Full PDB file with SEQRES, HELIX, SHEET, SSBOND, CRYST1, ORIGX, SCALE, CONECT and MASTER records, all heavy atoms in Angstrom:
SEQRES   1 A   43  VAL GLN ALA ALA SER GLY GLY SER LEU TYR ARG LYS ALA          
SEQRES   2 A   43  SER PHE LEU VAL ASP SER ILE GLY LYS ALA VAL PHE ALA          
SEQRES   3 A   43  ARG HIS ILE SER ILE GLU GLU ASP PRO TYR LEU VAL HIS          
SEQRES   4 A   43  GLY ALA GLY SER                                              
HELIX    1 AA1 GLY A    6  TYR A   10  1                                   5    
CRYST1    1.000    1.000    1.000  90.00  90.00  90.00 P 1           1          
ORIGX1      1.000000  0.000000  0.000000        0.00000                         
ORIGX2      0.000000  1.000000  0.000000        0.00000                         
ORIGX3      0.000000  0.000000  1.000000        0.00000                         
SCALE1      1.000000  0.000000  0.000000        0.00000                         
SCALE2      0.000000  1.000000  0.000000        0.00000                         
SCALE3      0.000000  0.000000  1.000000        0.00000                         
ATOM      1  N   VAL A   1    -273.917  43.245  21.862  1.00  0.00           N  
ATOM      2  CA  VAL A   1    -272.533  43.154  22.321  1.00  0.00           C  
ATOM      3  C   VAL A   1    -272.253  41.784  22.919  1.00  0.00           C  
ATOM      4  O   VAL A   1    -271.208  41.169  22.656  1.00  0.00           O  
ATOM      5  CB  VAL A   1    -272.221  44.270  23.340  1.00  0.00           C  
ATOM      6  CG1 VAL A   1    -270.852  44.052  23.981  1.00  0.00           C  
ATOM      7  CG2 VAL A   1    -272.267  45.639  22.668  1.00  0.00           C  
ATOM      8  N   GLN A   2    -273.173  41.289  23.724  1.00  0.00           N  
ATOM      9  CA  GLN A   2    -273.000  39.965  24.327  1.00  0.00           C  
ATOM     10  C   GLN A   2    -272.840  38.885  23.249  1.00  0.00           C  
ATOM     11  O   GLN A   2    -271.961  38.029  23.332  1.00  0.00           O  
ATOM     12  CB  GLN A   2    -274.187  39.641  25.223  1.00  0.00           C  
ATOM     13  CG  GLN A   2    -274.178  38.248  25.818  1.00  0.00           C  
ATOM     14  CD  GLN A   2    -273.081  38.029  26.834  1.00  0.00           C  
ATOM     15  OE1 GLN A   2    -272.624  38.963  27.467  1.00  0.00           O  
ATOM     16  NE2 GLN A   2    -272.646  36.781  26.970  1.00  0.00           N  
ATOM     17  N   ALA A   3    -273.681  38.949  22.231  1.00  0.00           N  
ATOM     18  CA  ALA A   3    -273.642  37.934  21.177  1.00  0.00           C  
ATOM     19  C   ALA A   3    -272.397  38.066  20.307  1.00  0.00           C  
ATOM     20  O   ALA A   3    -271.922  37.070  19.741  1.00  0.00           O  
ATOM     21  CB  ALA A   3    -274.897  38.030  20.311  1.00  0.00           C  
ATOM     22  N   ALA A   4    -271.856  39.281  20.187  1.00  0.00           N  
ATOM     23  CA  ALA A   4    -270.704  39.524  19.315  1.00  0.00           C  
ATOM     24  C   ALA A   4    -269.393  39.582  20.081  1.00  0.00           C  
ATOM     25  O   ALA A   4    -268.375  40.003  19.530  1.00  0.00           O  
ATOM     26  CB  ALA A   4    -270.913  40.825  18.534  1.00  0.00           C  
ATOM     27  N   SER A   5    -269.402  39.170  21.353  1.00  0.00           N  
ATOM     28  CA  SER A   5    -268.192  39.199  22.178  1.00  0.00           C  
ATOM     29  C   SER A   5    -267.425  37.888  22.059  1.00  0.00           C  
ATOM     30  O   SER A   5    -268.011  36.809  21.914  1.00  0.00           O  
ATOM     31  CB  SER A   5    -268.549  39.474  23.641  1.00  0.00           C  
ATOM     32  OG  SER A   5    -269.007  40.793  23.797  1.00  0.00           O  
ATOM     33  N   GLY A   6    -266.110  38.016  22.165  1.00  0.00           N  
ATOM     34  CA  GLY A   6    -265.234  36.876  21.952  1.00  0.00           C  
ATOM     35  C   GLY A   6    -265.529  35.684  22.835  1.00  0.00           C  
ATOM     36  O   GLY A   6    -265.468  34.537  22.383  1.00  0.00           O  
ATOM     37  N   GLY A   7    -265.849  35.938  24.117  1.00  0.00           N  
ATOM     38  CA  GLY A   7    -266.112  34.834  25.027  1.00  0.00           C  
ATOM     39  C   GLY A   7    -267.263  33.958  24.570  1.00  0.00           C  
ATOM     40  O   GLY A   7    -267.214  32.729  24.661  1.00  0.00           O  
ATOM     41  N   SER A   8    -268.326  34.575  24.060  1.00  0.00           N  
ATOM     42  CA  SER A   8    -269.459  33.806  23.545  1.00  0.00           C  
ATOM     43  C   SER A   8    -269.105  33.111  22.240  1.00  0.00           C  
ATOM     44  O   SER A   8    -269.537  31.984  21.979  1.00  0.00           O  
ATOM     45  CB  SER A   8    -270.658  34.738  23.322  1.00  0.00           C  
ATOM     46  OG  SER A   8    -271.080  35.336  24.526  1.00  0.00           O  
ATOM     47  N   LEU A   9    -268.288  33.777  21.425  1.00  0.00           N  
ATOM     48  CA  LEU A   9    -267.995  33.253  20.093  1.00  0.00           C  
ATOM     49  C   LEU A   9    -267.087  32.029  20.135  1.00  0.00           C  
ATOM     50  O   LEU A   9    -267.357  31.032  19.473  1.00  0.00           O  
ATOM     51  CB  LEU A   9    -267.365  34.364  19.247  1.00  0.00           C  
ATOM     52  CG  LEU A   9    -268.299  35.550  18.954  1.00  0.00           C  
ATOM     53  CD1 LEU A   9    -267.509  36.749  18.468  1.00  0.00           C  
ATOM     54  CD2 LEU A   9    -269.356  35.149  17.934  1.00  0.00           C  
ATOM     55  N   TYR A  10    -265.998  32.100  20.914  1.00  0.00           N  
ATOM     56  CA  TYR A  10    -265.098  30.951  20.886  1.00  0.00           C  
ATOM     57  C   TYR A  10    -265.699  29.742  21.618  1.00  0.00           C  
ATOM     58  O   TYR A  10    -265.303  28.602  21.380  1.00  0.00           O  
ATOM     59  CB  TYR A  10    -263.697  31.300  21.396  1.00  0.00           C  
ATOM     60  CG  TYR A  10    -263.499  31.415  22.890  1.00  0.00           C  
ATOM     61  CD1 TYR A  10    -263.454  30.292  23.712  1.00  0.00           C  
ATOM     62  CD2 TYR A  10    -263.293  32.659  23.487  1.00  0.00           C  
ATOM     63  CE1 TYR A  10    -263.243  30.398  25.080  1.00  0.00           C  
ATOM     64  CE2 TYR A  10    -263.072  32.787  24.847  1.00  0.00           C  
ATOM     65  CZ  TYR A  10    -263.052  31.655  25.636  1.00  0.00           C  
ATOM     66  OH  TYR A  10    -262.826  31.770  26.994  1.00  0.00           O  
ATOM     67  N   ARG A  11    -266.683  29.987  22.472  1.00  0.00           N  
ATOM     68  CA  ARG A  11    -267.386  28.868  23.108  1.00  0.00           C  
ATOM     69  C   ARG A  11    -268.537  28.352  22.239  1.00  0.00           C  
ATOM     70  O   ARG A  11    -269.247  27.436  22.650  1.00  0.00           O  
ATOM     71  CB  ARG A  11    -267.940  29.312  24.464  1.00  0.00           C  
ATOM     72  CG  ARG A  11    -266.878  29.660  25.502  1.00  0.00           C  
ATOM     73  CD  ARG A  11    -267.514  30.001  26.843  1.00  0.00           C  
ATOM     74  NE  ARG A  11    -266.522  30.333  27.840  1.00  0.00           N  
ATOM     75  CZ  ARG A  11    -266.131  31.571  28.139  1.00  0.00           C  
ATOM     76  NH1 ARG A  11    -266.687  32.609  27.502  1.00  0.00           N  
ATOM     77  NH2 ARG A  11    -265.215  31.797  29.063  1.00  0.00           N  
ATOM     78  N   LYS A  12    -268.735  28.975  21.077  1.00  0.00           N  
ATOM     79  CA  LYS A  12    -269.836  28.616  20.180  1.00  0.00           C  
ATOM     80  C   LYS A  12    -271.183  28.786  20.878  1.00  0.00           C  
ATOM     81  O   LYS A  12    -272.123  27.999  20.677  1.00  0.00           O  
ATOM     82  CB  LYS A  12    -269.697  27.163  19.673  1.00  0.00           C  
ATOM     83  CG  LYS A  12    -268.371  26.867  19.001  1.00  0.00           C  
ATOM     84  CD  LYS A  12    -268.192  27.664  17.725  1.00  0.00           C  
ATOM     85  CE  LYS A  12    -266.895  27.272  17.004  1.00  0.00           C  
ATOM     86  NZ  LYS A  12    -266.672  28.070  15.774  1.00  0.00           N  
ATOM     87  N   ALA A  13    -271.265  29.822  21.708  1.00  0.00           N  
ATOM     88  CA  ALA A  13    -272.481  30.071  22.484  1.00  0.00           C  
ATOM     89  C   ALA A  13    -273.176  31.344  22.018  1.00  0.00           C  
ATOM     90  O   ALA A  13    -273.749  32.086  22.808  1.00  0.00           O  
ATOM     91  CB  ALA A  13    -272.150  30.172  23.972  1.00  0.00           C  
ATOM     92  N   SER A  14    -273.126  31.601  20.715  1.00  0.00           N  
ATOM     93  CA  SER A  14    -273.739  32.798  20.167  1.00  0.00           C  
ATOM     94  C   SER A  14    -274.314  32.523  18.789  1.00  0.00           C  
ATOM     95  O   SER A  14    -273.728  31.786  17.984  1.00  0.00           O  
ATOM     96  CB  SER A  14    -272.708  33.936  20.064  1.00  0.00           C  
ATOM     97  OG  SER A  14    -273.226  35.022  19.306  1.00  0.00           O  
ATOM     98  N   PHE A  15    -275.442  33.162  18.491  1.00  0.00           N  
ATOM     99  CA  PHE A  15    -276.039  33.025  17.167  1.00  0.00           C  
ATOM    100  C   PHE A  15    -275.275  33.839  16.121  1.00  0.00           C  
ATOM    101  O   PHE A  15    -275.598  33.777  14.927  1.00  0.00           O  
ATOM    102  CB  PHE A  15    -277.516  33.457  17.204  1.00  0.00           C  
ATOM    103  CG  PHE A  15    -277.735  34.912  17.492  1.00  0.00           C  
ATOM    104  CD1 PHE A  15    -277.877  35.835  16.467  1.00  0.00           C  
ATOM    105  CD2 PHE A  15    -277.810  35.369  18.804  1.00  0.00           C  
ATOM    106  CE1 PHE A  15    -278.089  37.183  16.735  1.00  0.00           C  
ATOM    107  CE2 PHE A  15    -278.020  36.707  19.084  1.00  0.00           C  
ATOM    108  CZ  PHE A  15    -278.153  37.612  18.047  1.00  0.00           C  
ATOM    109  N   LEU A  16    -274.246  34.598  16.545  1.00  0.00           N  
ATOM    110  CA  LEU A  16    -273.449  35.393  15.606  1.00  0.00           C  
ATOM    111  C   LEU A  16    -272.099  34.743  15.273  1.00  0.00           C  
ATOM    112  O   LEU A  16    -271.228  35.390  14.693  1.00  0.00           O  
ATOM    113  CB  LEU A  16    -273.219  36.799  16.163  1.00  0.00           C  
ATOM    114  CG  LEU A  16    -274.452  37.699  16.254  1.00  0.00           C  
ATOM    115  CD1 LEU A  16    -274.092  39.058  16.819  1.00  0.00           C  
ATOM    116  CD2 LEU A  16    -275.110  37.853  14.886  1.00  0.00           C  
ATOM    117  N   VAL A  17    -271.909  33.482  15.626  1.00  0.00           N  
ATOM    118  CA  VAL A  17    -270.679  32.785  15.253  1.00  0.00           C  
ATOM    119  C   VAL A  17    -270.520  32.804  13.729  1.00  0.00           C  
ATOM    120  O   VAL A  17    -271.482  32.582  12.982  1.00  0.00           O  
ATOM    121  CB  VAL A  17    -270.722  31.321  15.770  1.00  0.00           C  
ATOM    122  CG1 VAL A  17    -269.590  30.507  15.157  1.00  0.00           C  
ATOM    123  CG2 VAL A  17    -270.625  31.293  17.287  1.00  0.00           C  
ATOM    124  N   ASP A  18    -269.300  33.114  13.261  1.00  0.00           N  
ATOM    125  CA  ASP A  18    -268.980  33.133  11.826  1.00  0.00           C  
ATOM    126  C   ASP A  18    -269.878  34.092  11.044  1.00  0.00           C  
ATOM    127  O   ASP A  18    -270.305  33.795   9.919  1.00  0.00           O  
ATOM    128  CB  ASP A  18    -269.092  31.718  11.223  1.00  0.00           C  
ATOM    129  CG  ASP A  18    -268.108  30.741  11.835  1.00  0.00           C  
ATOM    130  OD1 ASP A  18    -267.000  31.170  12.202  1.00  0.00           O  
ATOM    131  OD2 ASP A  18    -268.456  29.552  11.961  1.00  0.00           O  
ATOM    132  N   SER A  19    -270.124  35.275  11.627  1.00  0.00           N  
ATOM    133  CA  SER A  19    -271.028  36.222  10.972  1.00  0.00           C  
ATOM    134  C   SER A  19    -270.318  37.444  10.384  1.00  0.00           C  
ATOM    135  O   SER A  19    -270.981  38.344   9.859  1.00  0.00           O  
ATOM    136  CB  SER A  19    -272.103  36.702  11.958  1.00  0.00           C  
ATOM    137  OG  SER A  19    -272.993  35.666  12.290  1.00  0.00           O  
ATOM    138  N   ILE A  20    -268.989  37.513  10.475  1.00  0.00           N  
ATOM    139  CA  ILE A  20    -268.276  38.655   9.907  1.00  0.00           C  
ATOM    140  C   ILE A  20    -268.578  38.759   8.410  1.00  0.00           C  
ATOM    141  O   ILE A  20    -268.491  37.781   7.661  1.00  0.00           O  
ATOM    142  CB  ILE A  20    -266.746  38.529  10.113  1.00  0.00           C  
ATOM    143  CG1 ILE A  20    -266.407  38.605  11.603  1.00  0.00           C  
ATOM    144  CG2 ILE A  20    -266.001  39.618   9.353  1.00  0.00           C  
ATOM    145  CD1 ILE A  20    -266.639  39.955  12.221  1.00  0.00           C  
ATOM    146  N   GLY A  21    -268.938  39.972   7.988  1.00  0.00           N  
ATOM    147  CA  GLY A  21    -269.255  40.215   6.583  1.00  0.00           C  
ATOM    148  C   GLY A  21    -270.676  39.880   6.192  1.00  0.00           C  
ATOM    149  O   GLY A  21    -271.080  40.139   5.052  1.00  0.00           O  
ATOM    150  N   LYS A  22    -271.441  39.328   7.132  1.00  0.00           N  
ATOM    151  CA  LYS A  22    -272.817  38.939   6.827  1.00  0.00           C  
ATOM    152  C   LYS A  22    -273.805  39.993   7.336  1.00  0.00           C  
ATOM    153  O   LYS A  22    -273.522  40.725   8.280  1.00  0.00           O  
ATOM    154  CB  LYS A  22    -273.135  37.584   7.454  1.00  0.00           C  
ATOM    155  CG  LYS A  22    -272.281  36.444   6.912  1.00  0.00           C  
ATOM    156  CD  LYS A  22    -272.633  35.132   7.589  1.00  0.00           C  
ATOM    157  CE  LYS A  22    -271.759  33.998   7.071  1.00  0.00           C  
ATOM    158  NZ  LYS A  22    -272.068  32.704   7.752  1.00  0.00           N  
ATOM    159  N   ALA A  23    -274.959  40.049   6.710  1.00  0.00           N  
ATOM    160  CA  ALA A  23    -276.013  40.965   7.137  1.00  0.00           C  
ATOM    161  C   ALA A  23    -276.633  40.451   8.427  1.00  0.00           C  
ATOM    162  O   ALA A  23    -277.169  39.340   8.454  1.00  0.00           O  
ATOM    163  CB  ALA A  23    -277.069  41.103   6.049  1.00  0.00           C  
ATOM    164  N   VAL A  24    -276.557  41.239   9.486  1.00  0.00           N  
ATOM    165  CA  VAL A  24    -277.147  40.845  10.761  1.00  0.00           C  
ATOM    166  C   VAL A  24    -278.155  41.878  11.264  1.00  0.00           C  
ATOM    167  O   VAL A  24    -278.887  41.621  12.219  1.00  0.00           O  
ATOM    168  CB  VAL A  24    -276.060  40.612  11.833  1.00  0.00           C  
ATOM    169  CG1 VAL A  24    -275.149  39.458  11.438  1.00  0.00           C  
ATOM    170  CG2 VAL A  24    -275.244  41.863  12.078  1.00  0.00           C  
ATOM    171  N   PHE A  25    -278.187  43.049  10.640  1.00  0.00           N  
ATOM    172  CA  PHE A  25    -279.167  44.091  10.936  1.00  0.00           C  
ATOM    173  C   PHE A  25    -279.821  44.528   9.629  1.00  0.00           C  
ATOM    174  O   PHE A  25    -279.340  44.200   8.534  1.00  0.00           O  
ATOM    175  CB  PHE A  25    -278.500  45.311  11.583  1.00  0.00           C  
ATOM    176  CG  PHE A  25    -278.233  45.177  13.055  1.00  0.00           C  
ATOM    177  CD1 PHE A  25    -277.080  44.549  13.508  1.00  0.00           C  
ATOM    178  CD2 PHE A  25    -279.125  45.678  13.992  1.00  0.00           C  
ATOM    179  CE1 PHE A  25    -276.807  44.426  14.859  1.00  0.00           C  
ATOM    180  CE2 PHE A  25    -278.868  45.561  15.352  1.00  0.00           C  
ATOM    181  CZ  PHE A  25    -277.718  44.928  15.782  1.00  0.00           C  
ATOM    182  N   ALA A  26    -280.910  45.265   9.753  1.00  0.00           N  
ATOM    183  CA  ALA A  26    -281.521  45.877   8.575  1.00  0.00           C  
ATOM    184  C   ALA A  26    -280.480  46.744   7.864  1.00  0.00           C  
ATOM    185  O   ALA A  26    -279.574  47.303   8.486  1.00  0.00           O  
ATOM    186  CB  ALA A  26    -282.721  46.721   8.990  1.00  0.00           C  
ATOM    187  N   ARG A  27    -280.600  46.864   6.566  1.00  0.00           N  
ATOM    188  CA  ARG A  27    -279.564  47.514   5.764  1.00  0.00           C  
ATOM    189  C   ARG A  27    -279.319  48.965   6.158  1.00  0.00           C  
ATOM    190  O   ARG A  27    -278.218  49.488   5.968  1.00  0.00           O  
ATOM    191  CB  ARG A  27    -279.953  47.425   4.280  1.00  0.00           C  
ATOM    192  CG  ARG A  27    -278.843  47.870   3.346  1.00  0.00           C  
ATOM    193  CD  ARG A  27    -279.194  47.572   1.904  1.00  0.00           C  
ATOM    194  NE  ARG A  27    -278.123  47.966   1.009  1.00  0.00           N  
ATOM    195  CZ  ARG A  27    -278.152  47.796  -0.307  1.00  0.00           C  
ATOM    196  NH1 ARG A  27    -279.202  47.222  -0.874  1.00  0.00           N  
ATOM    197  NH2 ARG A  27    -277.146  48.181  -1.053  1.00  0.00           N  
ATOM    198  N   HIS A  28    -280.318  49.641   6.707  1.00  0.00           N  
ATOM    199  CA  HIS A  28    -280.150  51.056   7.042  1.00  0.00           C  
ATOM    200  C   HIS A  28    -279.449  51.260   8.390  1.00  0.00           C  
ATOM    201  O   HIS A  28    -279.217  52.401   8.807  1.00  0.00           O  
ATOM    202  CB  HIS A  28    -281.513  51.760   7.063  1.00  0.00           C  
ATOM    203  CG  HIS A  28    -282.477  51.205   8.072  1.00  0.00           C  
ATOM    204  ND1 HIS A  28    -282.628  51.744   9.332  1.00  0.00           N  
ATOM    205  CD2 HIS A  28    -283.346  50.159   8.006  1.00  0.00           C  
ATOM    206  CE1 HIS A  28    -283.545  51.057   9.986  1.00  0.00           C  
ATOM    207  NE2 HIS A  28    -284.000  50.094   9.215  1.00  0.00           N  
ATOM    208  N   ILE A  29    -279.090  50.176   9.067  1.00  0.00           N  
ATOM    209  CA  ILE A  29    -278.508  50.262  10.409  1.00  0.00           C  
ATOM    210  C   ILE A  29    -276.982  50.180  10.360  1.00  0.00           C  
ATOM    211  O   ILE A  29    -276.404  49.330   9.683  1.00  0.00           O  
ATOM    212  CB  ILE A  29    -279.047  49.129  11.309  1.00  0.00           C  
ATOM    213  CG1 ILE A  29    -280.545  49.296  11.535  1.00  0.00           C  
ATOM    214  CG2 ILE A  29    -278.306  49.106  12.651  1.00  0.00           C  
ATOM    215  CD1 ILE A  29    -280.942  50.557  12.276  1.00  0.00           C  
ATOM    216  N   SER A  30    -276.337  51.082  11.103  1.00  0.00           N  
ATOM    217  CA  SER A  30    -274.904  51.006  11.376  1.00  0.00           C  
ATOM    218  C   SER A  30    -274.701  51.203  12.878  1.00  0.00           C  
ATOM    219  O   SER A  30    -275.496  51.889  13.537  1.00  0.00           O  
ATOM    220  CB  SER A  30    -274.128  52.069  10.598  1.00  0.00           C  
ATOM    221  OG  SER A  30    -274.192  51.831   9.207  1.00  0.00           O  
ATOM    222  N   ILE A  31    -273.657  50.587  13.400  1.00  0.00           N  
ATOM    223  CA  ILE A  31    -273.336  50.722  14.821  1.00  0.00           C  
ATOM    224  C   ILE A  31    -271.890  51.174  14.937  1.00  0.00           C  
ATOM    225  O   ILE A  31    -270.971  50.497  14.459  1.00  0.00           O  
ATOM    226  CB  ILE A  31    -273.553  49.404  15.587  1.00  0.00           C  
ATOM    227  CG1 ILE A  31    -275.025  48.987  15.498  1.00  0.00           C  
ATOM    228  CG2 ILE A  31    -273.137  49.559  17.050  1.00  0.00           C  
ATOM    229  CD1 ILE A  31    -275.336  47.664  16.174  1.00  0.00           C  
ATOM    230  N   GLU A  32    -271.700  52.326  15.557  1.00  0.00           N  
ATOM    231  CA  GLU A  32    -270.389  52.945  15.668  1.00  0.00           C  
ATOM    232  C   GLU A  32    -269.832  52.778  17.071  1.00  0.00           C  
ATOM    233  O   GLU A  32    -270.567  52.897  18.055  1.00  0.00           O  
ATOM    234  CB  GLU A  32    -270.501  54.440  15.337  1.00  0.00           C  
ATOM    235  CG  GLU A  32    -269.197  55.205  15.445  1.00  0.00           C  
ATOM    236  CD  GLU A  32    -269.382  56.689  15.195  1.00  0.00           C  
ATOM    237  OE1 GLU A  32    -270.546  57.151  15.196  1.00  0.00           O  
ATOM    238  OE2 GLU A  32    -268.366  57.389  15.008  1.00  0.00           O  
ATOM    239  N   GLU A  33    -268.537  52.509  17.157  1.00  0.00           N  
ATOM    240  CA  GLU A  33    -267.852  52.468  18.441  1.00  0.00           C  
ATOM    241  C   GLU A  33    -266.728  53.494  18.425  1.00  0.00           C  
ATOM    242  O   GLU A  33    -265.933  53.535  17.494  1.00  0.00           O  
ATOM    243  CB  GLU A  33    -267.280  51.082  18.726  1.00  0.00           C  
ATOM    244  CG  GLU A  33    -266.605  51.016  20.105  1.00  0.00           C  
ATOM    245  CD  GLU A  33    -266.055  49.643  20.445  1.00  0.00           C  
ATOM    246  OE1 GLU A  33    -265.560  48.957  19.536  1.00  0.00           O  
ATOM    247  OE2 GLU A  33    -266.135  49.257  21.631  1.00  0.00           O  
ATOM    248  N   ASP A  34    -266.675  54.334  19.472  1.00  0.00           N  
ATOM    249  CA  ASP A  34    -265.622  55.344  19.569  1.00  0.00           C  
ATOM    250  C   ASP A  34    -265.166  55.445  21.020  1.00  0.00           C  
ATOM    251  O   ASP A  34    -265.823  56.086  21.837  1.00  0.00           O  
ATOM    252  CB  ASP A  34    -266.119  56.702  19.075  1.00  0.00           C  
ATOM    253  CG  ASP A  34    -265.006  57.742  19.021  1.00  0.00           C  
ATOM    254  OD1 ASP A  34    -263.871  57.427  19.446  1.00  0.00           O  
ATOM    255  OD2 ASP A  34    -265.254  58.862  18.553  1.00  0.00           O  
ATOM    256  N   PRO A  35    -264.028  54.825  21.366  1.00  0.00           N  
ATOM    257  CA  PRO A  35    -263.553  54.875  22.751  1.00  0.00           C  
ATOM    258  C   PRO A  35    -263.027  56.233  23.168  1.00  0.00           C  
ATOM    259  O   PRO A  35    -262.781  56.461  24.355  1.00  0.00           O  
ATOM    260  CB  PRO A  35    -262.402  53.849  22.768  1.00  0.00           C  
ATOM    261  CG  PRO A  35    -262.505  53.093  21.491  1.00  0.00           C  
ATOM    262  CD  PRO A  35    -263.158  54.007  20.515  1.00  0.00           C  
ATOM    263  N   TYR A  36    -262.864  57.159  22.203  1.00  0.00           N  
ATOM    264  CA  TYR A  36    -262.085  58.363  22.475  1.00  0.00           C  
ATOM    265  C   TYR A  36    -262.912  59.642  22.558  1.00  0.00           C  
ATOM    266  O   TYR A  36    -262.388  60.736  22.376  1.00  0.00           O  
ATOM    267  CB  TYR A  36    -260.996  58.505  21.401  1.00  0.00           C  
ATOM    268  CG  TYR A  36    -260.115  57.294  21.305  1.00  0.00           C  
ATOM    269  CD1 TYR A  36    -260.044  56.546  20.128  1.00  0.00           C  
ATOM    270  CD2 TYR A  36    -259.377  56.845  22.398  1.00  0.00           C  
ATOM    271  CE1 TYR A  36    -259.242  55.411  20.042  1.00  0.00           C  
ATOM    272  CE2 TYR A  36    -258.579  55.712  22.325  1.00  0.00           C  
ATOM    273  CZ  TYR A  36    -258.516  55.001  21.149  1.00  0.00           C  
ATOM    274  OH  TYR A  36    -257.729  53.880  21.073  1.00  0.00           O  
ATOM    275  N   LEU A  37    -264.194  59.536  22.850  1.00  0.00           N  
ATOM    276  CA  LEU A  37    -265.016  60.731  23.017  1.00  0.00           C  
ATOM    277  C   LEU A  37    -264.631  61.455  24.305  1.00  0.00           C  
ATOM    278  O   LEU A  37    -264.624  60.855  25.385  1.00  0.00           O  
ATOM    279  CB  LEU A  37    -266.500  60.371  23.068  1.00  0.00           C  
ATOM    280  CG  LEU A  37    -267.117  59.786  21.795  1.00  0.00           C  
ATOM    281  CD1 LEU A  37    -268.579  59.458  22.040  1.00  0.00           C  
ATOM    282  CD2 LEU A  37    -266.971  60.759  20.633  1.00  0.00           C  
ATOM    283  N   VAL A  38    -264.322  62.745  24.211  1.00  0.00           N  
ATOM    284  CA  VAL A  38    -263.997  63.533  25.393  1.00  0.00           C  
ATOM    285  C   VAL A  38    -265.218  63.576  26.308  1.00  0.00           C  
ATOM    286  O   VAL A  38    -266.344  63.813  25.849  1.00  0.00           O  
ATOM    287  CB  VAL A  38    -263.564  64.946  24.987  1.00  0.00           C  
ATOM    288  CG1 VAL A  38    -263.356  65.831  26.219  1.00  0.00           C  
ATOM    289  CG2 VAL A  38    -262.271  64.888  24.169  1.00  0.00           C  
ATOM    290  N   HIS A  39    -265.013  63.298  27.588  1.00  0.00           N  
ATOM    291  CA  HIS A  39    -266.069  63.250  28.612  1.00  0.00           C  
ATOM    292  C   HIS A  39    -267.005  62.054  28.444  1.00  0.00           C  
ATOM    293  O   HIS A  39    -267.962  61.918  29.202  1.00  0.00           O  
ATOM    294  CB  HIS A  39    -266.941  64.521  28.614  1.00  0.00           C  
ATOM    295  CG  HIS A  39    -266.218  65.784  28.874  1.00  0.00           C  
ATOM    296  ND1 HIS A  39    -266.740  67.014  28.562  1.00  0.00           N  
ATOM    297  CD2 HIS A  39    -264.994  66.030  29.395  1.00  0.00           C  
ATOM    298  CE1 HIS A  39    -265.880  67.961  28.880  1.00  0.00           C  
ATOM    299  NE2 HIS A  39    -264.809  67.381  29.393  1.00  0.00           N  
ATOM    300  N   GLY A  40    -266.788  61.199  27.470  1.00  0.00           N  
ATOM    301  CA  GLY A  40    -267.742  60.141  27.168  1.00  0.00           C  
ATOM    302  C   GLY A  40    -267.971  59.190  28.329  1.00  0.00           C  
ATOM    303  O   GLY A  40    -267.027  58.792  29.020  1.00  0.00           O  
ATOM    304  N   ALA A  41    -269.222  58.816  28.524  1.00  0.00           N  
ATOM    305  CA  ALA A  41    -269.551  57.892  29.616  1.00  0.00           C  
ATOM    306  C   ALA A  41    -268.886  56.541  29.416  1.00  0.00           C  
ATOM    307  O   ALA A  41    -268.585  55.842  30.380  1.00  0.00           O  
ATOM    308  CB  ALA A  41    -271.063  57.720  29.715  1.00  0.00           C  
ATOM    309  N   GLY A  42    -268.662  56.162  28.162  1.00  0.00           N  
ATOM    310  CA  GLY A  42    -268.026  54.880  27.873  1.00  0.00           C  
ATOM    311  C   GLY A  42    -266.655  55.036  27.250  1.00  0.00           C  
ATOM    312  O   GLY A  42    -266.242  54.201  26.447  1.00  0.00           O  
ATOM    313  N   SER A  43    -265.939  56.109  27.600  1.00  0.00           N  
ATOM    314  CA  SER A  43    -264.632  56.389  27.001  1.00  0.00           C  
ATOM    315  C   SER A  43    -263.493  55.818  27.830  1.00  0.00           C  
ATOM    316  O   SER A  43    -263.571  55.729  29.053  1.00  0.00           O  
ATOM    317  CB  SER A  43    -264.427  57.900  26.851  1.00  0.00           C  
ATOM    318  OG  SER A  43    -265.305  58.453  25.909  1.00  0.00           O  
TER     319      SER A  43                                                      
MASTER        0    0    0    1    0    0    0    6  318    1    0    4          
END                                                                             
């Protein structure tokens, strides 16, 4: 998250700059974000 956050990216302080659409994890990996989980700790 730190590497893929806007503050790091626009300062060019991340190894993930310009990485949209590129492979950054093993192919079997997906990362899901859902702000709307009922009772969720991170909702």
